[in-house]
Amino acid sequence: MELTEPLGLFSVIHVKIREDEIRVVTNSSSSYVKGDTIQLAISGNKALFFDESTGELIT
């Protein structure tokens, strides 16, 4: 875990996987500190993917 952005009811957690970074939205009751190892389970119907060069949503 690289960074946590608390946004009220939710937090955005920046997670680095090898050279890639993903952002995870979670409830604010979760508490993480930089360097923590976390486990992720991705729900395919709720995941959003963006083009790295344009920032546009990939549909």
PDB file of N, CA and C in Angstrom:
ATOM      1  N   MET A   1       0.851  -1.151   0.000  1.00  0.00           N
ATOM      2  CA  MET A   1       0.000   0.000   0.000  1.00  0.00           C
ATOM      3  C   MET A   1       0.903   1.221   0.000  1.00  0.00           C
ATOM      4  N   GLU A   2       0.632   2.142  -0.948  1.00  0.00           N
ATOM      5  CA  GLU A   2       1.471   3.321  -1.110  1.00  0.00           C
ATOM      6  C   GLU A   2       0.879   4.574  -0.462  1.00  0.00           C
ATOM      7  N   LEU A   3      -0.442   4.778  -0.595  1.00  0.00           N
ATOM      8  CA  LEU A   3      -1.055   6.025  -0.168  1.00  0.00           C
ATOM      9  C   LEU A   3      -2.535   5.790   0.077  1.00  0.00           C
ATOM     10  N   THR A   4      -3.094   6.476   1.082  1.00  0.00           N
ATOM     11  CA  THR A   4      -4.522   6.438   1.349  1.00  0.00           C
ATOM     12  C   THR A   4      -5.081   7.848   1.267  1.00  0.00           C
ATOM     13  N   GLU A   5      -6.178   8.012   0.501  1.00  0.00           N
ATOM     14  CA  GLU A   5      -6.864   9.303   0.409  1.00  0.00           C
ATOM     15  C   GLU A   5      -8.228   9.170   1.077  1.00  0.00           C
ATOM     16  N   PRO A   6      -8.396   9.674   2.300  1.00  0.00           N
ATOM     17  CA  PRO A   6      -9.702   9.613   2.951  1.00  0.00           C
ATOM     18  C   PRO A   6     -10.657  10.625   2.315  1.00  0.00           C
ATOM     19  N   LEU A   7     -11.853  10.150   1.909  1.00  0.00           N
ATOM     20  CA  LEU A   7     -12.826  11.005   1.223  1.00  0.00           C
ATOM     21  C   LEU A   7     -14.200  10.897   1.875  1.00  0.00           C
ATOM     22  N   GLY A   8     -14.254  11.038   3.174  1.00  0.00           N
ATOM     23  CA  GLY A   8     -15.540  10.941   3.869  1.00  0.00           C
ATOM     24  C   GLY A   8     -15.935   9.501   4.110  1.00  0.00           C
ATOM     25  N   LEU A   9     -17.017   9.065   3.453  1.00  0.00           N
ATOM     26  CA  LEU A   9     -17.504   7.696   3.647  1.00  0.00           C
ATOM     27  C   LEU A   9     -16.588   6.650   3.023  1.00  0.00           C
ATOM     28  N   PHE A  10     -15.763   7.064   2.038  1.00  0.00           N
ATOM     29  CA  PHE A  10     -14.897   6.137   1.332  1.00  0.00           C
ATOM     30  C   PHE A  10     -13.457   6.623   1.377  1.00  0.00           C
ATOM     31  N   SER A  11     -12.536   5.720   1.093  1.00  0.00           N
ATOM     32  CA  SER A  11     -11.124   6.058   0.934  1.00  0.00           C
ATOM     33  C   SER A  11     -10.639   5.463  -0.375  1.00  0.00           C
ATOM     34  N   VAL A  12      -9.694   6.148  -1.004  1.00  0.00           N
ATOM     35  CA  VAL A  12      -9.030   5.607  -2.190  1.00  0.00           C
ATOM     36  C   VAL A  12      -7.650   5.156  -1.747  1.00  0.00           C
ATOM     37  N   ILE A  13      -7.355   3.904  -1.980  1.00  0.00           N
ATOM     38  CA  ILE A  13      -6.068   3.328  -1.576  1.00  0.00           C
ATOM     39  C   ILE A  13      -5.249   3.060  -2.835  1.00  0.00           C
ATOM     40  N   HIS A  14      -4.023   3.585  -2.860  1.00  0.00           N
ATOM     41  CA  HIS A  14      -3.123   3.371  -3.989  1.00  0.00           C
ATOM     42  C   HIS A  14      -2.256   2.147  -3.652  1.00  0.00           C
ATOM     43  N   VAL A  15      -2.346   1.145  -4.501  1.00  0.00           N
ATOM     44  CA  VAL A  15      -1.645  -0.117  -4.267  1.00  0.00           C
ATOM     45  C   VAL A  15      -0.686  -0.365  -5.424  1.00  0.00           C
ATOM     46  N   LYS A  16       0.550  -0.719  -5.121  1.00  0.00           N
ATOM     47  CA  LYS A  16       1.534  -1.025  -6.159  1.00  0.00           C
ATOM     48  C   LYS A  16       1.679  -2.536  -6.270  1.00  0.00           C
ATOM     49  N   ILE A  17       1.523  -3.030  -7.496  1.00  0.00           N
ATOM     50  CA  ILE A  17       1.713  -4.451  -7.797  1.00  0.00           C
ATOM     51  C   ILE A  17       2.802  -4.526  -8.855  1.00  0.00           C
ATOM     52  N   ARG A  18       3.966  -4.961  -8.442  1.00  0.00           N
ATOM     53  CA  ARG A  18       5.180  -4.922  -9.266  1.00  0.00           C
ATOM     54  C   ARG A  18       5.410  -3.483  -9.726  1.00  0.00           C
ATOM     55  N   GLU A  19       5.375  -3.195 -11.034  1.00  0.00           N
ATOM     56  CA  GLU A  19       5.576  -1.823 -11.511  1.00  0.00           C
ATOM     57  C   GLU A  19       4.263  -1.086 -11.733  1.00  0.00           C
ATOM     58  N   ASP A  20       3.138  -1.749 -11.545  1.00  0.00           N
ATOM     59  CA  ASP A  20       1.834  -1.145 -11.803  1.00  0.00           C
ATOM     60  C   ASP A  20       1.195  -0.621 -10.524  1.00  0.00           C
ATOM     61  N   GLU A  21       0.435   0.471 -10.672  1.00  0.00           N
ATOM     62  CA  GLU A  21      -0.306   1.004  -9.539  1.00  0.00           C
ATOM     63  C   GLU A  21      -1.788   0.910  -9.843  1.00  0.00           C
ATOM     64  N   ILE A  22      -2.556   0.444  -8.864  1.00  0.00           N
ATOM     65  CA  ILE A  22      -4.003   0.442  -8.994  1.00  0.00           C
ATOM     66  C   ILE A  22      -4.576   1.250  -7.839  1.00  0.00           C
ATOM     67  N   ARG A  23      -5.777   1.734  -8.033  1.00  0.00           N
ATOM     68  CA  ARG A  23      -6.474   2.475  -6.981  1.00  0.00           C
ATOM     69  C   ARG A  23      -7.706   1.685  -6.599  1.00  0.00           C
ATOM     70  N   VAL A  24      -7.909   1.553  -5.300  1.00  0.00           N
ATOM     71  CA  VAL A  24      -9.004   0.761  -4.759  1.00  0.00           C
ATOM     72  C   VAL A  24      -9.878   1.669  -3.901  1.00  0.00           C
ATOM     73  N   VAL A  25     -11.192   1.622  -4.131  1.00  0.00           N
ATOM     74  CA  VAL A  25     -12.125   2.376  -3.299  1.00  0.00           C
ATOM     75  C   VAL A  25     -12.628   1.438  -2.217  1.00  0.00           C
ATOM     76  N   THR A  26     -12.545   1.894  -0.969  1.00  0.00           N
ATOM     77  CA  THR A  26     -12.968   1.075   0.165  1.00  0.00           C
ATOM     78  C   THR A  26     -13.692   1.960   1.175  1.00  0.00           C
ATOM     79  N   ASN A  27     -14.349   1.335   2.128  1.00  0.00           N
ATOM     80  CA  ASN A  27     -15.021   2.148   3.153  1.00  0.00           C
ATOM     81  C   ASN A  27     -13.975   2.775   4.072  1.00  0.00           C
ATOM     82  N   SER A  28     -14.328   3.889   4.671  1.00  0.00           N
ATOM     83  CA  SER A  28     -13.359   4.629   5.500  1.00  0.00           C
ATOM     84  C   SER A  28     -13.047   3.951   6.820  1.00  0.00           C
ATOM     85  N   SER A  29     -13.793   2.904   7.177  1.00  0.00           N
ATOM     86  CA  SER A  29     -13.498   2.215   8.432  1.00  0.00           C
ATOM     87  C   SER A  29     -12.231   1.366   8.317  1.00  0.00           C
ATOM     88  N   SER A  30     -11.757   1.137   7.080  1.00  0.00           N
ATOM     89  CA  SER A  30     -10.506   0.414   6.876  1.00  0.00           C
ATOM     90  C   SER A  30      -9.345   1.352   7.159  1.00  0.00           C
ATOM     91  N   SER A  31      -8.334   0.853   7.845  1.00  0.00           N
ATOM     92  CA  SER A  31      -7.197   1.688   8.212  1.00  0.00           C
ATOM     93  C   SER A  31      -5.905   1.039   7.728  1.00  0.00           C
ATOM     94  N   TYR A  32      -5.175   1.754   6.866  1.00  0.00           N
ATOM     95  CA  TYR A  32      -3.926   1.236   6.323  1.00  0.00           C
ATOM     96  C   TYR A  32      -2.834   2.284   6.465  1.00  0.00           C
ATOM     97  N   VAL A  33      -1.599   1.813   6.550  1.00  0.00           N
ATOM     98  CA  VAL A  33      -0.428   2.667   6.660  1.00  0.00           C
ATOM     99  C   VAL A  33       0.504   2.307   5.513  1.00  0.00           C
ATOM    100  N   LYS A  34       1.213   3.302   4.965  1.00  0.00           N
ATOM    101  CA  LYS A  34       2.141   3.049   3.865  1.00  0.00           C
ATOM    102  C   LYS A  34       3.045   1.874   4.198  1.00  0.00           C
ATOM    103  N   GLY A  35       3.166   0.967   3.232  1.00  0.00           N
ATOM    104  CA  GLY A  35       3.994  -0.221   3.405  1.00  0.00           C
ATOM    105  C   GLY A  35       3.207  -1.448   3.832  1.00  0.00           C
ATOM    106  N   ASP A  36       1.952  -1.256   4.271  1.00  0.00           N
ATOM    107  CA  ASP A  36       1.119  -2.402   4.650  1.00  0.00           C
ATOM    108  C   ASP A  36       0.923  -3.324   3.450  1.00  0.00           C
ATOM    109  N   THR A  37       0.898  -4.615   3.700  1.00  0.00           N
ATOM    110  CA  THR A  37       0.532  -5.600   2.692  1.00  0.00           C
ATOM    111  C   THR A  37      -0.953  -5.872   2.851  1.00  0.00           C
ATOM    112  N   ILE A  38      -1.701  -5.750   1.750  1.00  0.00           N
ATOM    113  CA  ILE A  38      -3.137  -5.997   1.820  1.00  0.00           C
ATOM    114  C   ILE A  38      -3.526  -7.050   0.792  1.00  0.00           C
ATOM    115  N   GLN A  39      -4.643  -7.696   1.035  1.00  0.00           N
ATOM    116  CA  GLN A  39      -5.177  -8.683   0.096  1.00  0.00           C
ATOM    117  C   GLN A  39      -6.359  -8.061  -0.626  1.00  0.00           C
ATOM    118  N   LEU A  40      -6.430  -8.292  -1.930  1.00  0.00           N
ATOM    119  CA  LEU A  40      -7.506  -7.737  -2.737  1.00  0.00           C
ATOM    120  C   LEU A  40      -8.313  -8.852  -3.390  1.00  0.00           C
ATOM    121  N   ALA A  41      -9.612  -8.646  -3.467  1.00  0.00           N
ATOM    122  CA  ALA A  41     -10.496  -9.501  -4.247  1.00  0.00           C
ATOM    123  C   ALA A  41     -11.260  -8.565  -5.168  1.00  0.00           C
ATOM    124  N   ILE A  42     -11.151  -8.771  -6.460  1.00  0.00           N
ATOM    125  CA  ILE A  42     -11.753  -7.850  -7.422  1.00  0.00           C
ATOM    126  C   ILE A  42     -13.036  -8.457  -7.977  1.00  0.00           C
ATOM    127  N   SER A  43     -14.119  -7.681  -7.865  1.00  0.00           N
ATOM    128  CA  SER A  43     -15.395  -8.071  -8.443  1.00  0.00           C
ATOM    129  C   SER A  43     -15.416  -7.566  -9.879  1.00  0.00           C
ATOM    130  N   GLY A  44     -15.438  -8.468 -10.839  1.00  0.00           N
ATOM    131  CA  GLY A  44     -15.360  -8.103 -12.248  1.00  0.00           C
ATOM    132  C   GLY A  44     -16.430  -7.128 -12.695  1.00  0.00           C
ATOM    133  N   ASN A  45     -17.617  -7.208 -12.119  1.00  0.00           N
ATOM    134  CA  ASN A  45     -18.684  -6.314 -12.555  1.00  0.00           C
ATOM    135  C   ASN A  45     -18.587  -4.933 -11.922  1.00  0.00           C
ATOM    136  N   LYS A  46     -17.659  -4.720 -11.000  1.00  0.00           N
ATOM    137  CA  LYS A  46     -17.494  -3.410 -10.367  1.00  0.00           C
ATOM    138  C   LYS A  46     -16.147  -2.776 -10.688  1.00  0.00           C
ATOM    139  N   ALA A  47     -15.278  -3.483 -11.383  1.00  0.00           N
ATOM    140  CA  ALA A  47     -13.952  -2.962 -11.710  1.00  0.00           C
ATOM    141  C   ALA A  47     -14.042  -2.013 -12.905  1.00  0.00           C
ATOM    142  N   LEU A  48     -13.301  -0.912 -12.848  1.00  0.00           N
ATOM    143  CA  LEU A  48     -13.206   0.037 -13.957  1.00  0.00           C
ATOM    144  C   LEU A  48     -11.756   0.073 -14.410  1.00  0.00           C
ATOM    145  N   PHE A  49     -11.546   0.059 -15.713  1.00  0.00           N
ATOM    146  CA  PHE A  49     -10.205   0.084 -16.274  1.00  0.00           C
ATOM    147  C   PHE A  49     -10.050   1.321 -17.153  1.00  0.00           C
ATOM    148  N   PHE A  50      -8.892   2.002 -17.019  1.00  0.00           N
ATOM    149  CA  PHE A  50      -8.640   3.231 -17.754  1.00  0.00           C
ATOM    150  C   PHE A  50      -7.392   3.082 -18.602  1.00  0.00           C
ATOM    151  N   ASP A  51      -7.398   3.699 -19.775  1.00  0.00           N
ATOM    152  CA  ASP A  51      -6.239   3.729 -20.651  1.00  0.00           C
ATOM    153  C   ASP A  51      -5.172   4.601 -19.992  1.00  0.00           C
ATOM    154  N   GLU A  52      -3.993   4.059 -19.811  1.00  0.00           N
ATOM    155  CA  GLU A  52      -2.918   4.782 -19.112  1.00  0.00           C
ATOM    156  C   GLU A  52      -2.490   6.044 -19.862  1.00  0.00           C
ATOM    157  N   SER A  53      -2.483   6.012 -21.179  1.00  0.00           N
ATOM    158  CA  SER A  53      -2.001   7.170 -21.935  1.00  0.00           C
ATOM    159  C   SER A  53      -3.034   8.273 -22.075  1.00  0.00           C
ATOM    160  N   THR A  54      -4.337   7.922 -22.136  1.00  0.00           N
ATOM    161  CA  THR A  54      -5.374   8.950 -22.323  1.00  0.00           C
ATOM    162  C   THR A  54      -6.188   9.224 -21.067  1.00  0.00           C
ATOM    163  N   GLY A  55      -6.192   8.283 -20.136  1.00  0.00           N
ATOM    164  CA  GLY A  55      -7.005   8.424 -18.938  1.00  0.00           C
ATOM    165  C   GLY A  55      -8.469   8.103 -19.166  1.00  0.00           C
ATOM    166  N   GLU A  56      -8.812   7.671 -20.390  1.00  0.00           N
ATOM    167  CA  GLU A  56     -10.211   7.356 -20.720  1.00  0.00           C
ATOM    168  C   GLU A  56     -10.605   5.975 -20.236  1.00  0.00           C
ATOM    169  N   LEU A  57     -11.870   5.846 -19.868  1.00  0.00           N
ATOM    170  CA  LEU A  57     -12.428   4.569 -19.429  1.00  0.00           C
ATOM    171  C   LEU A  57     -12.425   3.576 -20.569  1.00  0.00           C
ATOM    172  N   ILE A  58     -11.948   2.372 -20.309  1.00  0.00           N
ATOM    173  CA  ILE A  58     -11.983   1.288 -21.289  1.00  0.00           C
ATOM    174  C   ILE A  58     -13.263   0.506 -21.061  1.00  0.00           C
ATOM    175  N   THR A  59     -14.084   0.404 -22.105  1.00  0.00           N
ATOM    176  CA  THR A  59     -15.366  -0.302 -21.953  1.00  0.00           C
ATOM    177  C   THR A  59     -15.325  -1.654 -22.597  1.00  0.00           C
TER     178      THR A  59
END
